[in-house]
Protein backbone atom coordinates (compact mmCIF):
# COMPACT_ATOMS: atom_id res chain seq x y z
CA MET A 1 -13.20 13.43 14.77
CA LYS A 2 -16.30 11.39 13.95
CA THR A 3 -16.36 8.96 11.07
CA THR A 4 -19.32 8.65 8.73
CA ALA A 5 -21.81 5.79 8.80
CA ILE A 6 -20.43 4.57 5.46
CA GLU A 7 -16.89 4.48 6.88
CA ASN A 8 -18.14 2.59 9.94
CA TRP A 9 -19.86 -0.08 7.83
CA ALA A 10 -16.82 -0.27 5.55
CA GLU A 11 -14.65 -1.00 8.58
CA ARG A 12 -16.99 -3.74 9.77
CA ILE A 13 -16.88 -5.33 6.33
CA ARG A 14 -13.08 -5.09 6.21
CA ARG A 15 -12.82 -6.84 9.56
CA GLY A 16 -15.32 -9.52 8.56
CA GLN A 17 -17.81 -8.45 11.22
CA PRO A 18 -21.57 -9.01 10.77
CA ILE A 19 -23.76 -6.36 9.21
CA PRO A 20 -27.59 -6.16 8.92
CA PRO A 21 -28.92 -8.78 6.47
CA LEU A 22 -30.75 -6.20 4.37
CA LEU A 23 -27.61 -4.12 3.96
CA GLY A 24 -25.65 -7.25 3.09
CA PHE A 25 -28.20 -8.19 0.42
CA PHE A 26 -28.10 -4.67 -1.06
CA LEU A 27 -24.30 -4.61 -1.20
CA SER A 28 -24.17 -8.07 -2.77
CA ALA A 29 -26.62 -6.90 -5.43
CA LEU A 30 -24.20 -4.10 -6.33
CA THR A 31 -21.31 -6.50 -6.94
CA PRO A 32 -22.08 -7.04 -10.67
CA LEU A 33 -21.79 -3.27 -11.17
CA THR A 34 -18.38 -3.14 -9.54
CA ARG A 35 -17.27 -6.16 -11.59
CA ALA A 36 -18.30 -4.61 -14.90
CA GLY A 37 -15.19 -2.43 -15.14
CA MET A 38 -12.91 -5.41 -14.65
CA PHE A 39 -14.81 -7.39 -17.28
CA PHE A 40 -14.26 -4.67 -19.89
CA ARG A 41 -10.60 -4.34 -18.94
CA HIS A 42 -10.12 -8.07 -19.52
CA ILE A 43 -11.68 -7.98 -22.98
CA SER A 44 -9.86 -4.79 -24.04
CA PRO A 45 -6.74 -5.09 -26.22
CA LYS A 46 -3.52 -5.53 -24.25
CA ILE A 47 -0.76 -3.00 -24.88
CA ARG A 48 2.96 -3.78 -24.83
CA VAL A 49 5.38 -0.89 -24.28
CA ASP A 50 9.11 -0.81 -24.97
CA ALA A 51 10.24 -1.53 -21.41
CA TYR A 52 10.39 -4.31 -18.84
CA VAL A 53 7.18 -4.03 -16.81
CA ILE A 54 6.85 -5.27 -13.23
CA SER A 55 3.39 -5.10 -11.67
CA ILE A 56 3.04 -5.13 -7.88
CA GLY A 57 -0.53 -5.28 -6.64
CA ASN A 58 -3.12 -7.04 -4.53
CA LEU A 59 -6.52 -8.71 -4.64
CA THR A 60 -7.98 -6.77 -1.74
CA VAL A 61 -8.74 -3.13 -1.08
CA GLY A 62 -5.71 -1.60 0.66
CA GLY A 63 -3.65 -2.74 3.58
CA THR A 64 -1.25 -5.33 2.14
CA GLY A 65 1.93 -3.36 2.85
CA LYS A 66 2.63 -2.80 -0.83
CA THR A 67 4.79 0.34 -0.61
CA PRO A 68 7.79 -1.36 1.09
CA ALA A 69 7.69 -4.00 -1.66
CA VAL A 70 7.71 -1.32 -4.37
CA ILE A 71 10.59 0.49 -2.66
CA GLU A 72 12.56 -2.74 -2.33
CA ARG A 73 12.16 -3.72 -5.99
CA ALA A 74 12.78 -0.18 -7.30
CA ALA A 75 16.04 -0.01 -5.34
CA GLN A 76 17.10 -3.40 -6.68
CA GLU A 77 16.46 -2.35 -10.28
CA VAL A 78 18.35 0.93 -9.80
CA GLN A 79 21.31 -1.03 -8.39
CA ARG A 80 21.26 -3.16 -11.54
CA GLY A 81 21.80 0.01 -13.57
CA ARG A 82 18.26 0.19 -14.92
CA LYS A 83 16.43 3.44 -15.63
CA VAL A 84 13.36 3.00 -13.46
CA ALA A 85 9.95 4.65 -13.37
CA VAL A 86 7.21 3.91 -10.85
CA LEU A 87 3.72 4.34 -12.27
CA THR A 88 1.06 5.16 -9.69
CA ARG A 89 -2.44 6.54 -9.39
CA GLY A 90 -1.33 8.65 -6.44
CA TYR A 91 -4.22 7.93 -4.08
CA GLY A 92 -4.91 10.85 -1.74
CA SER A 93 -3.17 13.40 -3.98
CA GLY A 94 -6.23 15.12 -5.44
CA SER A 95 -7.03 14.54 -9.11
CA GLN A 96 -5.86 11.12 -10.25
CA GLN A 97 -6.84 11.74 -13.87
CA GLU A 98 -4.20 14.42 -14.39
CA MET A 99 -0.86 13.12 -15.65
CA VAL A 100 2.12 14.24 -13.59
CA ILE A 101 5.70 13.19 -14.33
CA VAL A 102 8.34 13.88 -11.67
CA PRO A 103 11.99 13.42 -12.71
CA PRO A 104 14.65 11.92 -10.44
CA SER A 105 15.82 14.20 -7.64
CA GLU A 106 19.16 14.95 -9.28
CA GLU A 107 17.42 16.07 -12.48
CA GLN A 108 14.79 18.32 -10.95
CA ASP A 109 16.65 21.68 -10.92
CA ASP A 110 13.85 24.26 -10.67
CA PHE A 111 11.08 21.68 -11.13
CA LYS A 112 8.39 22.22 -8.51
CA VAL A 113 7.33 18.79 -7.25
CA PRO A 114 3.54 18.59 -6.75
CA TRP A 115 1.94 16.63 -3.95
CA LEU A 116 1.86 13.09 -5.32
CA GLY A 117 0.27 11.25 -2.40
CA ASP A 118 1.72 9.53 0.66
CA GLU A 119 2.94 6.35 -1.05
CA PRO A 120 4.74 7.99 -4.02
CA GLU A 121 6.36 10.46 -1.61
CA LEU A 122 7.81 7.56 0.39
CA ILE A 123 9.10 5.95 -2.80
CA ARG A 124 10.80 9.24 -3.79
CA LYS A 125 12.33 9.51 -0.32
CA TYR A 126 14.00 6.09 -0.40
CA VAL A 127 14.71 5.72 -4.13
CA PRO A 128 15.35 9.28 -5.39
CA GLN A 129 16.80 7.96 -8.67
CA VAL A 130 13.39 6.86 -9.99
CA VAL A 131 10.99 8.75 -12.19
CA ILE A 132 7.49 8.98 -10.73
CA GLY A 133 4.60 8.89 -13.19
CA LYS A 134 1.15 9.60 -11.76
CA GLY A 135 -2.14 9.23 -13.58
CA ALA A 136 -5.11 6.91 -14.05
CA LYS A 137 -4.26 6.24 -17.72
CA ARG A 138 -1.02 4.46 -17.01
CA ILE A 139 -0.38 3.31 -20.56
CA GLN A 140 -0.09 6.96 -21.54
CA VAL A 141 2.10 7.62 -18.50
CA ALA A 142 4.30 4.65 -19.45
CA ARG A 143 4.84 5.98 -22.96
CA ARG A 144 5.74 9.42 -21.60
CA VAL A 145 8.40 8.22 -19.15
CA ILE A 146 9.93 5.99 -21.85
CA GLN A 147 9.99 8.81 -24.39
CA ASP A 148 11.07 11.69 -22.12
CA PHE A 149 13.42 9.89 -19.71
CA GLY A 150 14.50 6.74 -21.52
CA CYS A 151 13.09 4.49 -18.80
CA ASN A 152 13.62 0.81 -19.56
CA THR A 153 12.03 -0.63 -16.39
CA LEU A 154 8.54 0.26 -15.22
CA ILE A 155 7.10 -0.69 -11.84
CA LEU A 156 3.32 -0.62 -11.91
CA ASP A 157 2.26 0.29 -8.38
CA ASP A 158 -1.08 -1.33 -7.48
CA GLY A 159 -1.27 -2.78 -10.95
CA PHE A 160 -2.76 -6.26 -10.58
CA GLN A 161 -6.13 -5.12 -11.94
CA TYR A 162 -4.64 -2.84 -14.62
CA VAL A 163 -4.54 -5.72 -17.08
CA MET A 164 -4.53 -3.56 -20.23
CA LEU A 165 -0.79 -3.00 -19.85
CA GLU A 166 1.22 -6.13 -20.61
CA ARG A 167 3.73 -7.02 -17.92
CA ASP A 168 6.76 -9.28 -17.63
CA GLU A 169 6.25 -9.95 -13.91
CA ASN A 170 2.92 -9.95 -12.12
CA ILE A 171 3.66 -9.90 -8.38
CA LEU A 172 0.68 -10.38 -6.09
CA LEU A 173 0.84 -9.29 -2.44
CA ILE A 174 -1.42 -10.91 0.13
CA ASP A 175 -1.61 -9.74 3.74
CA ALA A 176 -1.35 -12.90 5.84
CA THR A 177 -3.19 -11.23 8.76
CA ASN A 178 -6.31 -10.62 6.62
CA PRO A 179 -5.73 -12.37 3.29
CA PHE A 180 -9.21 -12.38 1.78
CA GLY A 181 -11.49 -10.63 4.27
CA ASN A 182 -14.87 -12.33 4.32
CA ARG A 183 -14.09 -13.81 0.85
CA ARG A 184 -16.74 -11.64 -0.76
CA LEU A 185 -16.29 -9.15 -3.60
CA ILE A 186 -16.61 -5.41 -3.06
CA PRO A 187 -18.75 -3.74 -1.88
CA ARG A 188 -19.95 -6.67 0.27
CA GLY A 189 -16.35 -7.68 0.95
CA ILE A 190 -12.84 -6.39 0.31
CA LEU A 191 -11.93 -8.56 -2.68
CA ARG A 192 -11.44 -6.68 -5.94
CA GLU A 193 -11.54 -9.99 -7.81
CA PRO A 194 -12.30 -13.63 -6.99
CA ILE A 195 -9.48 -15.42 -5.19
CA THR A 196 -8.93 -17.53 -8.31
CA ALA A 197 -7.54 -14.41 -10.03
CA ALA A 198 -4.32 -15.19 -8.15
CA ARG A 199 -3.58 -17.60 -11.01
CA ARG A 200 -2.39 -14.60 -13.06
CA ALA A 201 0.46 -14.00 -10.61
CA THR A 202 4.03 -14.91 -11.52
CA GLN A 203 4.96 -14.66 -7.82
CA ILE A 204 2.93 -14.35 -4.61
CA VAL A 205 4.36 -12.40 -1.69
CA LEU A 206 2.75 -13.05 1.67
CA THR A 207 3.27 -10.06 3.96
CA ARG A 208 3.13 -9.79 7.78
CA CYS A 209 3.56 -13.54 8.16
CA ASP A 210 5.00 -13.03 11.65
CA LEU A 211 1.70 -11.52 12.82
CA ALA A 212 -0.62 -14.06 11.15
CA SER A 213 -2.58 -16.53 13.26
CA LYS A 214 -3.70 -18.76 10.35
CA LEU A 215 -0.67 -18.79 8.07
CA ASP A 216 -0.90 -22.52 7.28
CA GLU A 217 -4.56 -22.17 6.30
CA THR A 218 -3.78 -19.24 4.01
CA LEU A 219 -0.91 -21.13 2.38
CA ALA A 220 -3.16 -24.14 1.81
CA THR A 221 -5.76 -21.93 0.10
CA ILE A 222 -3.16 -20.35 -2.17
CA ARG A 223 -1.55 -23.69 -3.01
CA ALA A 224 -4.92 -25.17 -3.95
CA ILE A 225 -5.42 -22.36 -6.47
CA CYS A 226 -1.81 -21.80 -7.60
CA PRO A 227 0.09 -25.06 -7.03
CA SER A 228 3.20 -24.04 -8.97
CA THR A 229 3.42 -20.28 -8.35
CA PRO A 230 6.46 -19.26 -6.25
CA ILE A 231 5.49 -17.95 -2.79
CA ARG A 232 7.68 -15.61 -0.77
CA LEU A 233 7.03 -15.33 2.98
CA THR A 234 7.85 -11.90 4.39
CA ARG A 235 7.44 -9.67 7.41
CA HIS A 236 7.43 -5.91 7.90
CA ALA A 237 10.48 -5.67 10.13
CA PRO A 238 10.64 -2.56 12.37
CA SER A 239 13.97 -0.77 11.95
CA HIS A 240 13.93 2.37 14.14
CA TRP A 241 11.92 5.42 15.19
CA VAL A 242 12.17 8.87 13.59
CA ARG A 243 11.17 12.05 15.41
CA LEU A 244 9.26 14.01 12.77
CA ILE A 245 10.17 17.52 13.85
CA ASP A 246 13.91 17.12 13.26
CA GLY A 247 14.45 13.72 11.64
CA SER A 248 16.48 12.38 14.55
CA THR A 249 16.44 8.61 15.03
CA LEU A 250 15.86 6.43 18.07
CA SER A 251 16.36 2.73 18.53
CA LEU A 252 13.33 0.49 18.83
CA GLU A 253 14.12 -0.16 22.49
CA LYS A 254 13.56 3.51 23.38
CA MET A 255 9.77 3.08 23.19
CA CYS A 256 9.60 -0.24 25.02
CA GLY A 257 7.43 0.18 28.12
CA GLU A 258 6.41 3.75 27.22
CA LYS A 259 2.79 4.92 27.20
CA ALA A 260 1.78 6.34 23.82
CA THR A 261 -1.04 7.34 21.47
CA ALA A 262 -1.22 5.32 18.26
CA LEU A 263 -2.14 7.50 15.26
CA CYS A 264 -2.67 6.15 11.74
CA ALA A 265 -4.74 6.30 8.56
CA ILE A 266 -3.77 3.10 6.78
CA GLY A 267 -5.52 0.11 5.25
CA ASN A 268 -4.68 -2.32 8.05
CA PRO A 269 -4.39 -0.42 11.36
CA GLU A 270 -4.57 -3.65 13.35
CA ALA A 271 -1.16 -4.67 11.98
CA PHE A 272 0.36 -1.38 13.18
CA LEU A 273 -1.19 -1.80 16.62
CA LYS A 274 0.03 -5.38 16.82
CA THR A 275 3.56 -4.27 15.90
CA LEU A 276 3.48 -1.66 18.68
CA GLU A 277 2.42 -4.37 21.09
CA VAL A 278 5.29 -6.61 19.99
CA LEU A 279 7.70 -3.71 20.49
CA GLY A 280 6.50 -3.34 24.07
CA VAL A 281 4.68 -0.02 23.63
CA ARG A 282 1.79 0.57 26.04
CA VAL A 283 -0.88 2.07 23.77
CA THR A 284 -3.24 4.16 25.90
CA ARG A 285 -5.16 5.87 23.08
CA ARG A 286 -5.96 4.98 19.49
CA LEU A 287 -6.64 7.57 16.81
CA ILE A 288 -7.52 5.47 13.76
CA PHE A 289 -8.79 6.92 10.48
CA PRO A 290 -9.63 5.56 6.99
CA ASP A 291 -6.80 4.81 4.56
CA HIS A 292 -5.14 7.96 3.09
CA PHE A 293 -7.21 10.19 5.40
CA ASP A 294 -5.81 13.71 5.74
CA ILE A 295 -5.32 13.85 9.51
CA PRO A 296 -5.95 17.40 10.80
CA ASN A 297 -3.27 18.95 12.99
CA GLU A 298 -5.70 19.95 15.71
CA ILE A 299 -6.47 16.38 16.73
CA ILE A 300 -2.82 15.38 17.21
CA PRO A 301 -2.05 15.37 20.95
CA ARG A 302 0.53 17.95 21.96
CA GLU A 303 1.53 16.10 25.09
CA GLY A 304 2.65 12.54 25.62
CA ILE A 305 4.25 10.30 23.01
CA VAL A 306 2.44 9.95 19.66
CA LEU A 307 3.46 7.08 17.37
CA THR A 308 2.50 6.84 13.70
CA THR A 309 3.52 5.12 10.46
CA GLU A 310 5.92 6.40 7.80
CA LYS A 311 3.07 6.60 5.33
CA ASP A 312 1.12 8.88 7.68
CA ALA A 313 4.21 10.88 8.59
CA VAL A 314 4.64 12.29 5.08
CA ARG A 315 1.15 13.81 5.35
CA LEU A 316 1.46 15.35 8.80
CA LYS A 317 2.34 19.03 9.08
CA GLN A 318 3.38 21.23 12.00
CA VAL A 319 3.82 18.37 14.44
CA GLY A 320 5.32 18.78 17.88
CA GLU A 321 8.42 17.21 19.36
CA ASN A 322 6.36 14.30 20.68
CA VAL A 323 5.48 12.65 17.33
CA TYR A 324 7.52 9.69 16.04
CA SER A 325 7.12 7.42 13.01
CA LEU A 326 8.07 3.76 12.81
CA VAL A 327 10.40 2.85 9.96
CA VAL A 328 9.85 -0.67 8.61
CA ARG A 329 11.52 -2.75 5.94
CA LEU A 330 10.27 -5.76 3.99
CA LYS A 331 12.25 -8.81 5.11
CA ASP A 332 12.07 -12.50 4.34
CA MET A 333 10.90 -14.81 7.11
CA LEU A 334 13.78 -16.73 8.66
C-alpha cells in the first residue's frame, strides 16, 4: 500500500533527514500556529480534582514507548490498593471528542466495550482492574471517573502537554534512540514543545537505552536543562512471542535465525526492527506504516513468518497461523 506525499515528508522529518529548503521554510513559518494552542493552555486556569494525578507523557510526537510505562505504573497503583483510572484520548479509535467510560472488567456485566484504540486496549488487557476514561476534555473525564467509580488515582496517558489538569507527578518519557529529532518544533520537527519544557518534569524516564548510540550525549543535554530531576534509564525488554490466532506463546529463541516479514504501524519502527535484529531474526521484508495506521488484512502475507508488535496485534483481524507479536516489558537498565 502506497503512502501519501505528506506521510513521506513526515517520515523524513521524524528521521532528521533533509527536505527541500522551501518546504522547510514553509513548515517553520507554521510553527507559531501550532504553538498557539499550547500558549493558551499555559495561561488557562489550572484545575485540581479530588484524586492523585500522575501524568505520563513526552515532548515528541509518538514513538517513546509510553504504553509499557503506563501499564507498569497502573499495575503498581492497583497493587497498592488504589482505585485507578487511566485517562486517554484514544488515538486511532474514531472520535476523540466523545467521552467514553469503560469500567473494570469484573464490573462490566452486559456493558458493551467500544473500540478504544490500540493503546487503551493493551492497558485493559494487562491491568483489567482499571477504569478507562477516553475523551479530549480530560478534566471532565476525570470528574466522571471520580464521581461514578470512586477513583482516587488518575493516570493521564500522554498528558505532558495537558497542563490544565493539575498533577502530583509529571513523568516525562524520552526515547534515547531519537530523543529530540532534529530539535525543531512541529511541523518542521517532531518536538511538541522546546526541550526546555522538560523542566516541568518531576521524573524523566529514558526509554530504549540499550539501543541508543548517543546515550551519554542525550544525558548531558538533559542534565544541562534539568540538573536535579531524577532520571530513570530503561529498556524495552523482549519477553516472548505470542501467536495471534490462538494466543499460544513461544520463547524468544524460537525466532532466532528465522526469515520473517516485519509488520508495524508505530511511532518508532526503527526500534522494533533493531530489536528483531538483536533477537537474531533475519528480516527479509518490511511492511512499515504510520503510527496507529489501520493495517488492512489483504496486505498481510499468508505464507512465511510475520512478526509484529503488541500494539499492532490488537488491531489486526482474521490473521493466519503465521503471525506473531513480540511481548515487551519496561525494565531498568542493569
